[in-house]
Amino acid sequence: MSTMVSLLISIAVLTVLMVCGVPMPMAFGSAVVWIITTLGINSATVCQAGYSSITSYVLLAIPLFTIGGALMSNSRIGSSIVDWFETILGRLRACLIPVSSCAFALFGAVSGSGMAVMSCLTPILFPRMKEKDYPVETVAAVMCCAAPLGLLIPPSVIQIMYAWSANCSVLTCFLSIVTPGLTCTILLCIVGRILALRKRPNLPSAPRQPASQYARSLVRTTGKSLPGLFMPIIVLGGIYSGLMTTTESAATAAVYTLILAVFIFREVKGKHFINFMADAGVTSGVVMCNVFFIMVFSRLLLQEGLPNYILNILLSISDNRWVIMIMINLFMVLLGMLMDDTCACLLVATILAPVVVELGFSPYQFAAIVGVNLGMGCITPPTAPFLYMSSRLTGVPVKDMMKDVLILLATVYLPVLIITVAFPNFSLWLPKLVLGSKFSMF
């Protein structure tokens, strides 16, 4: 059996197993076993390469950000930040739609995980909106589409994984997704509010207050939310200033939130902290198990020359790099619909990043493209973890929220994806500005 036939069969095996619902590590492990068996590769060498991949210092940031996000989720920090946004935006009708979008974005900057943000903020925001007669299907759709902002607003776990597997700078990857992430946040605020007001034109706004009373209210809510607002400043400031690495910044964030939750707010006891550590351990174990098998699979594909084979196939279809990039994006959308964001990111970064660089695109522009693409994939069936999580937390059936989700996909994520692909400076201007002469496109 030829090498390429064996690789293509392994990809087919992987796809069939994923569609059948087989857990990701087992699906990738089966594909690895097929390649090793058919091509006669030394399994000891492959396992050693997989072990080396999961002992990276950078990956320590994942459990640390998980701990920080869990501590913030289970203290008053979340509700205080929501109150702060509501004070600022309260004069808008249907203000809780932009409040929820901004809160999701800010918490995404802290925890690096969309699922953690949704678990924290949905129980706080949804009852308020339901009580004020917001259309529940629109609210659930907005929360579903706001959750991927955790992938787009740094520090993002997905970008850490991308930078590590594609051998790129984590800081530059973080900077490249800021503009797409903020653009998605602004569009989600606007479109979500329009959808809500079309269904409920009489949604209330906060009553007008005298300037002095509003100032006192703003000062009060700012004071309560200030400890939480310092969190992204500490995390991102430490990384962007060069004072801390990503892992050191994640450790600082975990210690900072621990001090807030245990000693300042006094809401997290010893038993709770043990549970948070256990959850972080489980999350890290799942991620590491996925990383091991995916990196072994990716290494085998790279070793046997699959990226060059893919590039040759794409060039045989068209020699226009923009047409090829469109095809790559369509493939990533399909990949995001089938895989979870971590698995899809690792596979794309190791297999497709070299292809994209060969076409003359920057790997940092591709980091932003991957972030937006996987954000879309997380809310697009059949996998769509955020779609089903939003339905479970709000009690709104998926079929009821699907129309608004599709509208938000078409008016928020798709335009940002097109702009990110078509205009490299849309994602790269900030790395160029911040890093100056230290920035390299490749």
Protein backbone atom coordinates (compact mmCIF):
# COMPACT_ATOMS: atom_id res chain seq x y z
CA MET A 1 0.00 0.00 0.00
CA SER A 2 1.36 3.41 -0.95
CA THR A 3 2.07 6.02 1.70
CA MET A 4 -0.56 8.51 0.50
CA VAL A 5 -3.28 5.85 0.23
CA SER A 6 -2.54 4.80 3.82
CA LEU A 7 -2.70 8.43 5.05
CA LEU A 8 -5.97 9.08 3.20
CA ILE A 9 -7.51 5.91 4.65
CA SER A 10 -6.40 7.00 8.14
CA ILE A 11 -8.16 10.35 7.64
CA ALA A 12 -11.27 8.52 6.42
CA VAL A 13 -11.15 6.25 9.50
CA LEU A 14 -10.81 9.31 11.74
CA THR A 15 -13.77 11.06 10.07
CA VAL A 16 -16.07 8.03 10.29
CA LEU A 17 -15.25 7.46 13.96
CA MET A 18 -15.88 11.14 14.82
CA VAL A 19 -19.23 11.12 13.00
CA CYS A 20 -20.17 7.96 14.93
CA GLY A 21 -19.47 9.76 18.21
CA VAL A 22 -16.30 7.93 19.23
CA PRO A 23 -14.27 9.99 21.78
CA MET A 24 -11.57 12.09 20.14
CA PRO A 25 -8.53 10.35 21.70
CA MET A 26 -9.81 6.94 20.60
CA ALA A 27 -10.62 8.21 17.09
CA PHE A 28 -7.16 9.73 16.63
CA GLY A 29 -5.53 6.72 18.30
CA SER A 30 -7.21 4.38 15.81
CA ALA A 31 -5.93 6.48 12.90
CA VAL A 32 -2.42 6.39 14.40
CA VAL A 33 -2.53 2.60 14.81
CA TRP A 34 -3.58 2.24 11.15
CA ILE A 35 -0.65 4.35 9.91
CA ILE A 36 1.90 2.58 12.13
CA THR A 37 0.64 -0.86 11.09
CA THR A 38 0.39 -0.23 7.35
CA LEU A 39 3.62 1.77 6.96
CA GLY A 40 5.75 -0.24 9.42
CA ILE A 41 6.72 2.76 11.56
CA ASN A 42 8.49 2.23 14.91
CA SER A 43 5.78 2.77 17.55
CA ALA A 44 8.35 3.53 20.30
CA THR A 45 9.62 6.56 18.39
CA VAL A 46 6.08 7.77 17.80
CA CYS A 47 5.11 7.44 21.48
CA GLN A 48 8.25 9.27 22.54
CA ALA A 49 7.35 12.15 20.23
CA GLY A 50 3.83 12.24 21.70
CA TYR A 51 5.18 12.30 25.26
CA SER A 52 7.56 15.14 24.41
CA SER A 53 4.66 17.16 23.05
CA ILE A 54 2.68 17.11 26.31
CA THR A 55 5.61 18.10 28.56
CA SER A 56 5.80 21.62 27.15
CA TYR A 57 6.06 24.45 29.70
CA VAL A 58 3.59 26.56 27.68
CA LEU A 59 0.77 24.05 28.22
CA LEU A 60 0.86 24.71 31.99
CA ALA A 61 -1.06 27.91 31.22
CA ILE A 62 -4.20 25.89 30.43
CA PRO A 63 -4.96 24.52 33.94
CA LEU A 64 -3.86 27.81 35.50
CA PHE A 65 -6.30 29.85 33.41
CA THR A 66 -8.96 27.22 34.17
CA ILE A 67 -8.44 27.69 37.91
CA GLY A 68 -8.60 31.49 37.59
CA GLY A 69 -11.79 31.34 35.54
CA ALA A 70 -13.45 28.89 37.97
CA LEU A 71 -12.61 31.09 40.98
CA MET A 72 -14.04 34.17 39.27
CA SER A 73 -17.14 32.26 38.17
CA ASN A 74 -17.96 31.23 41.73
CA SER A 75 -17.56 34.58 43.44
CA ARG A 76 -19.27 37.98 43.26
CA ILE A 77 -16.75 39.17 40.67
CA GLY A 78 -19.00 38.07 37.79
CA SER A 79 -22.16 39.82 38.97
CA SER A 80 -20.25 42.99 39.90
CA ILE A 81 -18.82 43.31 36.38
CA VAL A 82 -22.29 42.76 34.87
CA ASP A 83 -23.66 45.53 37.14
CA TRP A 84 -20.85 47.84 35.99
CA PHE A 85 -21.64 47.30 32.30
CA GLU A 86 -25.36 47.78 33.01
CA THR A 87 -24.66 51.10 34.73
CA ILE A 88 -22.69 52.34 31.71
CA LEU A 89 -25.09 51.08 29.01
CA GLY A 90 -28.36 51.28 30.94
CA ARG A 91 -29.75 54.24 29.01
CA LEU A 92 -29.99 52.12 25.85
CA ARG A 93 -33.21 50.23 25.22
CA ALA A 94 -32.54 46.49 25.30
CA CYS A 95 -29.27 47.36 27.04
CA LEU A 96 -28.80 43.89 28.50
CA ILE A 97 -27.95 42.51 25.04
CA PRO A 98 -24.78 44.65 24.68
CA VAL A 99 -24.15 44.20 28.42
CA SER A 100 -24.06 40.42 27.99
CA SER A 101 -21.84 40.63 24.88
CA CYS A 102 -19.33 42.93 26.60
CA ALA A 103 -19.34 40.82 29.77
CA PHE A 104 -18.69 37.65 27.76
CA ALA A 105 -15.81 39.39 25.97
CA LEU A 106 -14.24 40.65 29.21
CA PHE A 107 -14.57 37.29 30.95
CA GLY A 108 -13.14 35.63 27.86
CA ALA A 109 -10.08 37.83 28.33
CA VAL A 110 -9.74 36.50 31.86
CA SER A 111 -10.51 32.80 31.65
CA GLY A 112 -9.50 32.06 28.04
CA SER A 113 -12.39 29.59 27.80
CA GLY A 114 -15.78 30.19 26.20
CA MET A 115 -17.42 27.31 28.08
CA ALA A 116 -16.29 28.67 31.47
CA VAL A 117 -17.60 32.13 30.57
CA MET A 118 -20.99 30.75 29.53
CA SER A 119 -21.28 28.68 32.70
CA CYS A 120 -20.52 31.76 34.81
CA LEU A 121 -22.55 34.50 33.13
CA THR A 122 -25.66 32.78 31.76
CA PRO A 123 -27.13 32.05 35.24
CA ILE A 124 -26.55 35.72 36.12
CA LEU A 125 -27.83 37.38 32.94
CA PHE A 126 -30.61 35.13 31.64
CA PRO A 127 -32.97 35.49 34.66
CA ARG A 128 -32.61 39.31 34.51
CA MET A 129 -33.47 39.39 30.81
CA LYS A 130 -36.33 36.93 31.12
CA GLU A 131 -37.80 38.97 33.97
CA LYS A 132 -37.72 42.12 31.78
CA ASP A 133 -39.53 40.28 28.93
CA TYR A 134 -36.60 39.95 26.52
CA PRO A 135 -37.30 37.38 23.75
CA VAL A 136 -35.73 34.29 25.28
CA GLU A 137 -34.78 32.70 21.94
CA THR A 138 -32.81 35.84 20.98
CA VAL A 139 -31.17 36.00 24.41
CA ALA A 140 -30.11 32.35 24.17
CA ALA A 141 -28.80 32.91 20.62
CA VAL A 142 -26.77 35.97 21.67
CA MET A 143 -25.23 34.09 24.60
CA CYS A 144 -24.42 31.16 22.33
CA CYS A 145 -22.70 33.46 19.81
CA ALA A 146 -20.96 35.50 22.54
CA ALA A 147 -19.31 32.44 24.10
CA PRO A 148 -16.71 32.04 21.29
CA LEU A 149 -15.43 35.51 22.17
CA GLY A 150 -13.44 33.59 24.79
CA LEU A 151 -11.50 32.13 21.84
CA LEU A 152 -10.98 35.54 20.24
CA ILE A 153 -10.21 37.85 23.17
CA PRO A 154 -6.73 37.14 24.57
CA PRO A 155 -5.44 35.36 26.53
CA SER A 156 -7.03 32.55 24.52
CA VAL A 157 -6.30 28.90 25.25
CA ILE A 158 -6.82 28.13 21.56
CA GLN A 159 -4.20 30.69 20.55
CA ILE A 160 -1.76 29.22 23.08
CA MET A 161 -2.30 25.81 21.46
CA TYR A 162 -1.95 27.27 17.96
CA ALA A 163 1.27 29.16 18.76
CA TRP A 164 2.80 26.12 20.46
CA SER A 165 1.95 23.65 17.69
CA ALA A 166 2.80 26.04 14.80
CA ASN A 167 6.01 27.22 16.51
CA CYS A 168 4.87 30.86 16.61
CA SER A 169 5.09 33.63 19.21
CA VAL A 170 2.21 33.41 21.71
CA LEU A 171 2.28 37.19 22.23
CA THR A 172 2.00 37.91 18.50
CA CYS A 173 -0.87 35.41 18.15
CA PHE A 174 -2.66 37.15 21.02
CA LEU A 175 -2.22 40.55 19.39
CA SER A 176 -3.42 39.29 16.01
CA ILE A 177 -6.85 38.26 17.32
CA VAL A 178 -7.62 41.46 19.25
CA THR A 179 -9.12 43.39 16.31
CA PRO A 180 -11.26 40.48 15.00
CA GLY A 181 -12.40 39.74 18.55
CA LEU A 182 -13.39 43.33 19.34
CA THR A 183 -15.11 43.66 15.95
CA CYS A 184 -17.17 40.54 16.63
CA THR A 185 -18.10 41.95 20.05
CA ILE A 186 -19.29 45.28 18.61
CA LEU A 187 -21.28 43.63 15.80
CA LEU A 188 -22.86 41.21 18.26
CA CYS A 189 -23.97 44.13 20.45
CA ILE A 190 -25.55 45.91 17.46
CA VAL A 191 -27.19 42.98 15.68
CA GLY A 192 -28.36 41.28 18.88
CA ARG A 193 -30.00 44.49 20.05
CA ILE A 194 -31.73 44.94 16.68
CA LEU A 195 -33.09 41.39 16.81
CA ALA A 196 -34.40 41.89 20.36
CA LEU A 197 -36.07 45.23 19.54
CA ARG A 198 -37.72 43.83 16.41
CA LYS A 199 -39.51 41.27 18.58
CA ARG A 200 -40.04 43.49 21.63
CA PRO A 201 -40.10 47.16 20.52
CA ASN A 202 -41.07 48.30 24.02
CA LEU A 203 -38.12 46.85 25.91
CA PRO A 204 -37.28 49.26 28.73
CA SER A 205 -34.19 51.33 29.36
CA ALA A 206 -32.97 52.52 32.75
CA PRO A 207 -34.78 55.62 34.02
CA ARG A 208 -32.91 58.87 33.46
CA GLN A 209 -30.98 59.98 36.55
CA PRO A 210 -29.57 63.35 37.58
CA ALA A 211 -25.89 63.66 36.72
CA SER A 212 -24.80 63.57 40.35
CA GLN A 213 -26.82 60.44 41.10
CA TYR A 214 -25.52 58.70 37.96
CA ALA A 215 -21.94 59.61 38.92
CA ARG A 216 -22.42 58.13 42.40
CA SER A 217 -23.92 54.97 40.92
CA LEU A 218 -21.02 54.65 38.46
CA VAL A 219 -18.43 55.17 41.20
CA ARG A 220 -20.14 52.58 43.40
CA THR A 221 -20.37 49.87 40.72
CA THR A 222 -16.84 50.65 39.50
CA GLY A 223 -15.50 50.22 43.02
CA LYS A 224 -17.21 46.85 43.38
CA SER A 225 -16.05 45.62 39.97
CA LEU A 226 -12.53 47.07 40.14
CA PRO A 227 -10.88 43.89 41.51
CA GLY A 228 -12.31 41.92 38.59
CA LEU A 229 -11.45 44.63 36.06
CA PHE A 230 -7.83 44.56 37.20
CA MET A 231 -7.60 40.92 36.23
CA PRO A 232 -7.27 41.34 32.43
CA ILE A 233 -4.96 44.32 33.02
CA ILE A 234 -2.63 42.15 35.11
CA VAL A 235 -2.77 39.22 32.71
CA LEU A 236 -2.47 41.06 29.42
CA GLY A 237 -0.22 43.80 30.78
CA GLY A 238 2.23 41.23 32.06
CA ILE A 239 2.33 39.43 28.71
CA TYR A 240 2.41 42.50 26.45
CA SER A 241 5.03 44.30 28.52
CA GLY A 242 7.34 41.30 28.35
CA LEU A 243 7.57 41.08 32.16
CA MET A 244 5.92 37.66 32.23
CA THR A 245 5.58 34.70 29.92
CA THR A 246 2.12 33.35 29.15
CA THR A 247 2.48 30.62 31.77
CA GLU A 248 3.77 33.05 34.43
CA SER A 249 0.88 35.38 33.62
CA ALA A 250 -1.60 32.51 34.00
CA ALA A 251 -0.05 31.61 37.37
CA THR A 252 -0.30 35.25 38.49
CA ALA A 253 -3.96 35.32 37.42
CA ALA A 254 -4.71 32.13 39.38
CA VAL A 255 -3.03 33.47 42.55
CA TYR A 256 -4.74 36.87 42.17
CA THR A 257 -8.22 35.36 41.82
CA LEU A 258 -7.50 32.99 44.71
CA ILE A 259 -6.69 35.94 46.97
CA LEU A 260 -9.85 37.78 45.83
CA ALA A 261 -12.17 34.80 46.20
CA VAL A 262 -10.80 33.51 49.52
CA PHE A 263 -9.61 36.59 51.42
CA ILE A 264 -11.44 39.59 49.91
CA PHE A 265 -14.89 38.26 48.96
CA ARG A 266 -14.58 35.25 51.32
CA GLU A 267 -16.86 33.12 49.17
CA VAL A 268 -14.56 30.21 48.37
CA LYS A 269 -13.84 27.74 51.17
CA GLY A 270 -11.32 24.94 51.32
CA LYS A 271 -13.75 22.34 49.96
CA HIS A 272 -14.65 24.58 47.00
CA PHE A 273 -10.99 25.14 46.17
CA ILE A 274 -10.36 21.38 46.14
CA ASN A 275 -13.25 20.99 43.69
CA PHE A 276 -11.79 23.74 41.45
CA MET A 277 -8.41 22.04 41.48
CA ALA A 278 -10.07 18.72 40.61
CA ASP A 279 -11.99 20.34 37.72
CA ALA A 280 -8.78 21.94 36.44
CA GLY A 281 -7.06 18.55 36.67
CA VAL A 282 -9.85 16.84 34.71
CA THR A 283 -9.82 19.58 32.06
CA SER A 284 -6.06 19.40 31.73
CA GLY A 285 -6.15 15.61 31.57
CA VAL A 286 -8.69 15.67 28.74
CA VAL A 287 -6.66 18.30 26.87
CA MET A 288 -3.38 16.43 27.36
CA CYS A 289 -4.93 13.16 26.20
CA ASN A 290 -6.20 14.90 23.06
CA VAL A 291 -2.85 16.65 22.54
CA PHE A 292 -0.91 13.37 22.80
CA PHE A 293 -2.84 11.52 20.09
CA ILE A 294 -3.36 14.54 17.84
CA MET A 295 0.31 15.49 17.90
CA VAL A 296 1.34 11.90 17.17
CA PHE A 297 -1.13 11.79 14.28
CA SER A 298 0.01 15.18 12.99
CA ARG A 299 3.68 14.22 13.28
CA LEU A 300 3.07 11.11 11.20
CA LEU A 301 1.24 13.12 8.55
CA LEU A 302 4.04 15.69 8.45
CA GLN A 303 6.72 13.01 8.41
CA GLU A 304 5.10 11.35 5.39
CA GLY A 305 4.76 14.65 3.50
CA LEU A 306 0.99 15.25 3.63
CA PRO A 307 1.22 19.11 3.66
CA ASN A 308 3.13 19.07 0.34
CA TYR A 309 0.63 16.58 -1.05
CA ILE A 310 -2.28 18.85 0.00
CA LEU A 311 -0.53 21.89 -1.49
CA ASN A 312 0.01 20.09 -4.80
CA ILE A 313 -3.65 19.06 -4.95
CA LEU A 314 -4.80 22.62 -4.23
CA LEU A 315 -2.42 24.03 -6.83
CA SER A 316 -3.74 21.55 -9.38
CA ILE A 317 -7.22 22.98 -8.82
CA SER A 318 -6.11 26.62 -8.95
CA ASP A 319 -2.84 28.54 -8.83
CA ASN A 320 -4.55 31.58 -7.30
CA ARG A 321 -3.62 31.73 -3.62
CA TRP A 322 -6.88 33.49 -2.70
CA VAL A 323 -8.94 30.69 -4.24
CA ILE A 324 -6.84 28.18 -2.29
CA MET A 325 -7.34 30.18 0.91
CA ILE A 326 -11.11 30.12 0.37
CA MET A 327 -10.97 26.32 0.00
CA ILE A 328 -8.90 26.06 3.19
CA ASN A 329 -11.47 28.19 5.04
CA LEU A 330 -14.34 26.02 3.82
CA PHE A 331 -12.45 22.97 5.05
CA MET A 332 -11.89 24.61 8.47
CA VAL A 333 -15.59 25.46 8.81
CA LEU A 334 -16.44 21.79 8.17
CA LEU A 335 -13.70 20.72 10.60
CA GLY A 336 -15.07 23.05 13.28
CA MET A 337 -18.53 21.53 12.78
CA LEU A 338 -17.18 18.03 13.53
CA MET A 339 -14.41 18.55 16.12
CA ASP A 340 -14.06 20.46 19.36
CA ASP A 341 -12.00 23.65 19.15
CA THR A 342 -8.82 22.23 20.76
CA CYS A 343 -8.57 19.20 18.45
CA ALA A 344 -9.39 21.24 15.34
CA CYS A 345 -6.83 23.92 16.27
CA LEU A 346 -4.01 21.44 16.81
CA LEU A 347 -4.74 19.63 13.56
CA VAL A 348 -5.05 22.82 11.51
CA ALA A 349 -1.94 24.43 13.03
CA THR A 350 0.30 21.45 12.35
CA ILE A 351 -1.05 20.43 8.92
CA LEU A 352 -2.37 23.58 7.26
CA ALA A 353 -0.14 26.32 8.72
CA PRO A 354 2.86 25.16 6.61
CA VAL A 355 0.62 25.14 3.52
CA VAL A 356 -0.58 28.68 4.22
CA VAL A 357 2.97 29.94 4.74
CA GLU A 358 3.99 28.37 1.41
CA LEU A 359 1.21 30.39 -0.21
CA GLY A 360 2.72 33.60 1.19
CA PHE A 361 0.29 34.27 4.06
CA SER A 362 1.56 35.13 7.52
CA PRO A 363 1.06 32.41 10.16
CA TYR A 364 -0.15 35.18 12.49
CA GLN A 365 -2.87 36.25 10.06
CA PHE A 366 -3.76 32.56 9.87
CA ALA A 367 -3.94 32.46 13.69
CA ALA A 368 -6.70 35.09 13.54
CA ILE A 369 -8.44 33.23 10.71
CA VAL A 370 -8.33 29.99 12.71
CA GLY A 371 -9.76 31.77 15.77
CA VAL A 372 -12.75 33.19 13.89
CA ASN A 373 -13.31 29.94 11.99
CA LEU A 374 -13.31 27.78 15.10
CA GLY A 375 -15.58 30.31 16.82
CA MET A 376 -18.08 29.76 14.01
CA GLY A 377 -17.61 26.00 14.24
CA CYS A 378 -18.44 25.97 17.95
CA ILE A 379 -21.93 27.33 17.23
CA THR A 380 -22.59 25.45 13.97
CA PRO A 381 -24.26 22.00 14.11
CA PRO A 382 -23.80 19.09 14.29
CA THR A 383 -21.17 19.39 17.09
CA ALA A 384 -21.82 23.01 18.21
CA PRO A 385 -20.89 22.72 21.91
CA PHE A 386 -21.87 26.33 22.69
CA LEU A 387 -25.24 25.94 20.96
CA TYR A 388 -26.23 22.95 23.07
CA MET A 389 -24.71 24.41 26.24
CA SER A 390 -26.73 27.62 25.78
CA SER A 391 -29.89 25.58 25.25
CA ARG A 392 -29.22 23.57 28.39
CA LEU A 393 -28.48 26.58 30.60
CA THR A 394 -31.40 28.71 29.35
CA GLY A 395 -33.97 25.97 28.76
CA VAL A 396 -34.63 27.29 25.24
CA PRO A 397 -34.89 24.47 22.63
CA VAL A 398 -32.23 24.54 19.92
CA LYS A 399 -34.87 24.72 17.16
CA ASP A 400 -36.31 27.94 18.68
CA MET A 401 -32.96 29.76 18.82
CA MET A 402 -31.55 28.41 15.55
CA LYS A 403 -32.97 31.18 13.31
CA ASP A 404 -31.37 33.96 15.40
CA VAL A 405 -28.11 31.99 15.64
CA LEU A 406 -27.92 31.74 11.84
CA ILE A 407 -28.63 35.48 11.49
CA LEU A 408 -25.83 36.27 13.95
CA LEU A 409 -23.47 33.91 12.15
CA ALA A 410 -24.22 35.62 8.83
CA THR A 411 -23.94 39.18 10.14
CA VAL A 412 -21.19 38.88 12.78
CA TYR A 413 -18.75 36.02 12.26
CA LEU A 414 -18.91 35.62 8.48
CA PRO A 415 -18.15 39.30 7.66
CA VAL A 416 -15.28 39.35 10.19
CA LEU A 417 -13.88 36.14 8.70
CA ILE A 418 -14.02 37.58 5.16
CA ILE A 419 -12.31 40.81 6.25
CA THR A 420 -9.64 38.90 8.21
CA VAL A 421 -8.83 36.77 5.16
CA ALA A 422 -9.01 39.55 2.54
CA PHE A 423 -7.15 42.28 4.46
CA PRO A 424 -4.03 41.02 6.29
CA ASN A 425 -3.51 44.34 8.09
CA PHE A 426 -6.90 43.96 9.77
CA SER A 427 -5.31 41.41 12.11
CA LEU A 428 -1.64 42.38 11.79
CA TRP A 429 -1.69 46.14 12.40
CA LEU A 430 -1.71 45.74 16.18
CA PRO A 431 1.28 43.33 16.33
CA LYS A 432 3.16 45.75 14.04
CA LEU A 433 2.26 48.70 16.28
CA VAL A 434 3.06 47.03 19.62
CA LEU A 435 6.11 45.02 18.62
CA GLY A 436 7.57 47.46 16.11
CA SER A 437 10.86 46.26 14.66
CA LYS A 438 10.58 43.01 16.67
CA PHE A 439 7.58 41.92 14.62
CA SER A 440 8.18 39.43 11.83
CA MET A 441 5.44 38.35 9.42
CA PHE A 442 6.80 34.78 9.41
